[in-house]
């Protein structure tokens, strides 16, 4: 008899484990919104998922795909738009325009941020 044999797992425990992992994957795929205040005073709003980003600046909106990059996260769109994220800094690149430097808005510290609803 093998004394190192694993005890049999219960089907319910395996099901609970699989359900927990799928919920974790679904939560990771949800968008995580962030606001960046840019050097010109505008606010760049971006909803991130692991592979895409939806960016809004004023009346303009872009859908961007994440691409491999070095230390920073880089999202690129079809019409020459790119967002490069490095820690709390974001740089918006648009065709025929200079890059726009933006900084992450920390809502808890931003006096102009809208208050969060009470739970």
Protein backbone atom coordinates (compact mmCIF):
# COMPACT_ATOMS: atom_id res chain seq x y z
CA UNK A 1 0.00 0.00 0.00
CA UNK A 2 1.24 3.48 -0.91
CA UNK A 3 1.13 5.65 2.18
CA UNK A 4 1.65 8.83 0.12
CA UNK A 5 -1.51 8.36 -1.89
CA UNK A 6 -3.70 11.46 -2.05
CA UNK A 7 -7.08 11.16 -0.41
CA UNK A 8 -9.95 11.20 -2.90
CA UNK A 9 -11.36 14.65 -3.60
CA UNK A 10 -15.02 15.31 -3.28
CA UNK A 11 -16.93 16.23 -6.46
CA UNK A 12 -18.58 19.19 -4.72
CA UNK A 13 -15.19 20.57 -3.64
CA UNK A 14 -13.89 20.28 -7.20
CA UNK A 15 -16.99 22.06 -8.53
CA UNK A 16 -16.63 24.89 -6.00
CA UNK A 17 -12.97 25.29 -6.91
CA UNK A 18 -13.78 25.45 -10.64
CA UNK A 19 -16.57 27.97 -10.02
CA UNK A 20 -14.24 30.15 -7.96
CA UNK A 21 -11.61 30.14 -10.70
CA UNK A 22 -14.14 31.07 -13.39
CA UNK A 23 -15.47 33.93 -11.26
CA UNK A 24 -11.93 35.18 -10.79
CA UNK A 25 -11.33 35.09 -14.53
CA UNK A 26 -14.57 36.95 -15.18
CA UNK A 27 -13.64 39.63 -12.66
CA UNK A 28 -10.23 40.04 -14.28
CA UNK A 29 -11.85 40.54 -17.69
CA UNK A 30 -14.09 43.36 -16.46
CA UNK A 31 -13.09 46.91 -17.32
CA UNK A 32 -11.21 48.95 -14.76
CA UNK A 33 -11.88 52.68 -15.40
CA UNK A 34 -9.24 55.32 -14.76
CA UNK A 35 -9.14 59.10 -15.20
CA UNK A 36 -5.98 60.96 -16.19
CA UNK A 37 -5.68 64.76 -15.97
CA UNK A 38 -3.69 65.99 -18.93
CA UNK A 39 -1.27 68.91 -19.23
CA UNK A 40 -3.83 70.93 -21.21
CA UNK A 41 -6.49 70.49 -18.48
CA UNK A 42 -8.59 67.86 -20.26
CA UNK A 43 -9.45 64.53 -18.64
CA UNK A 44 -8.56 61.32 -20.45
CA UNK A 45 -10.90 58.53 -19.32
CA UNK A 46 -9.84 54.97 -20.08
CA UNK A 47 -11.61 51.67 -19.38
CA UNK A 48 -9.03 48.89 -19.34
CA UNK A 49 -9.40 45.16 -19.85
CA UNK A 50 -6.40 42.83 -20.10
CA UNK A 51 -6.34 43.11 -23.91
CA UNK A 52 -8.18 46.30 -24.85
CA UNK A 53 -8.83 49.85 -23.74
CA UNK A 54 -11.68 52.25 -24.46
CA UNK A 55 -10.32 55.80 -24.30
CA UNK A 56 -12.31 59.06 -24.25
CA UNK A 57 -10.95 62.60 -24.46
CA UNK A 58 -13.59 65.28 -24.82
CA UNK A 59 -15.80 64.22 -27.74
CA UNK A 60 -13.25 61.81 -29.18
CA UNK A 61 -13.30 58.08 -28.44
CA UNK A 62 -10.96 55.24 -29.42
CA UNK A 63 -10.79 51.47 -29.06
CA UNK A 64 -7.21 50.33 -28.55
CA UNK A 65 -5.52 46.91 -28.43
CA UNK A 66 -2.74 46.09 -25.99
CA UNK A 67 0.59 45.25 -27.62
CA UNK A 68 3.81 43.83 -26.21
CA UNK A 69 6.14 46.45 -24.83
CA UNK A 70 9.01 46.78 -22.40
CA UNK A 71 8.26 48.10 -18.94
CA UNK A 72 5.19 50.11 -19.84
CA UNK A 73 1.75 49.07 -21.01
CA UNK A 74 1.09 50.13 -24.58
CA UNK A 75 -2.32 50.29 -26.28
CA UNK A 76 -2.51 51.01 -30.02
CA UNK A 77 -5.45 51.94 -32.24
CA UNK A 78 -5.96 51.72 -35.99
CA UNK A 79 -6.02 55.44 -36.68
CA UNK A 80 -2.56 56.29 -35.34
CA UNK A 81 -3.64 56.66 -31.71
CA UNK A 82 -1.61 55.10 -28.91
CA UNK A 83 -1.59 55.31 -25.13
CA UNK A 84 1.58 54.47 -23.23
CA UNK A 85 1.18 53.84 -19.49
CA UNK A 86 4.11 53.98 -17.10
CA UNK A 87 3.13 53.77 -13.43
CA UNK A 88 0.73 56.70 -12.85
CA UNK A 89 1.63 58.52 -16.07
CA UNK A 90 -0.15 58.18 -19.40
CA UNK A 91 0.97 59.61 -22.70
CA UNK A 92 -1.55 59.97 -25.52
CA UNK A 93 -0.08 59.85 -29.02
CA UNK A 94 -2.22 61.00 -31.97
CA UNK A 95 -1.23 61.30 -35.60
CA UNK A 96 0.02 64.78 -36.57
CA UNK A 97 -0.18 66.05 -32.98
CA UNK A 98 2.41 66.30 -30.21
CA UNK A 99 2.13 63.70 -27.41
CA UNK A 100 -0.17 64.69 -24.57
CA UNK A 101 1.18 63.95 -21.08
CA UNK A 102 -1.41 62.97 -18.46
CA UNK A 103 -1.30 61.95 -14.79
CA UNK A 104 -3.58 59.49 -12.98
CA UNK A 105 -6.29 61.12 -10.87
CA UNK A 106 -6.50 59.53 -7.44
CA UNK A 107 -10.16 60.07 -6.57
CA UNK A 108 -9.59 59.91 -2.82
CA UNK A 109 -7.14 62.81 -3.07
CA UNK A 110 -8.77 64.85 -5.85
CA UNK A 111 -10.85 67.71 -4.41
CA UNK A 112 -12.75 68.09 -7.69
CA UNK A 113 -13.78 64.44 -7.89
CA UNK A 114 -17.42 63.56 -7.56
CA UNK A 115 -18.23 61.91 -4.22
CA UNK A 116 -18.89 58.19 -4.33
CA UNK A 117 -22.39 57.02 -3.50
CA UNK A 118 -22.96 55.68 0.02
CA UNK A 119 -23.36 51.93 0.37
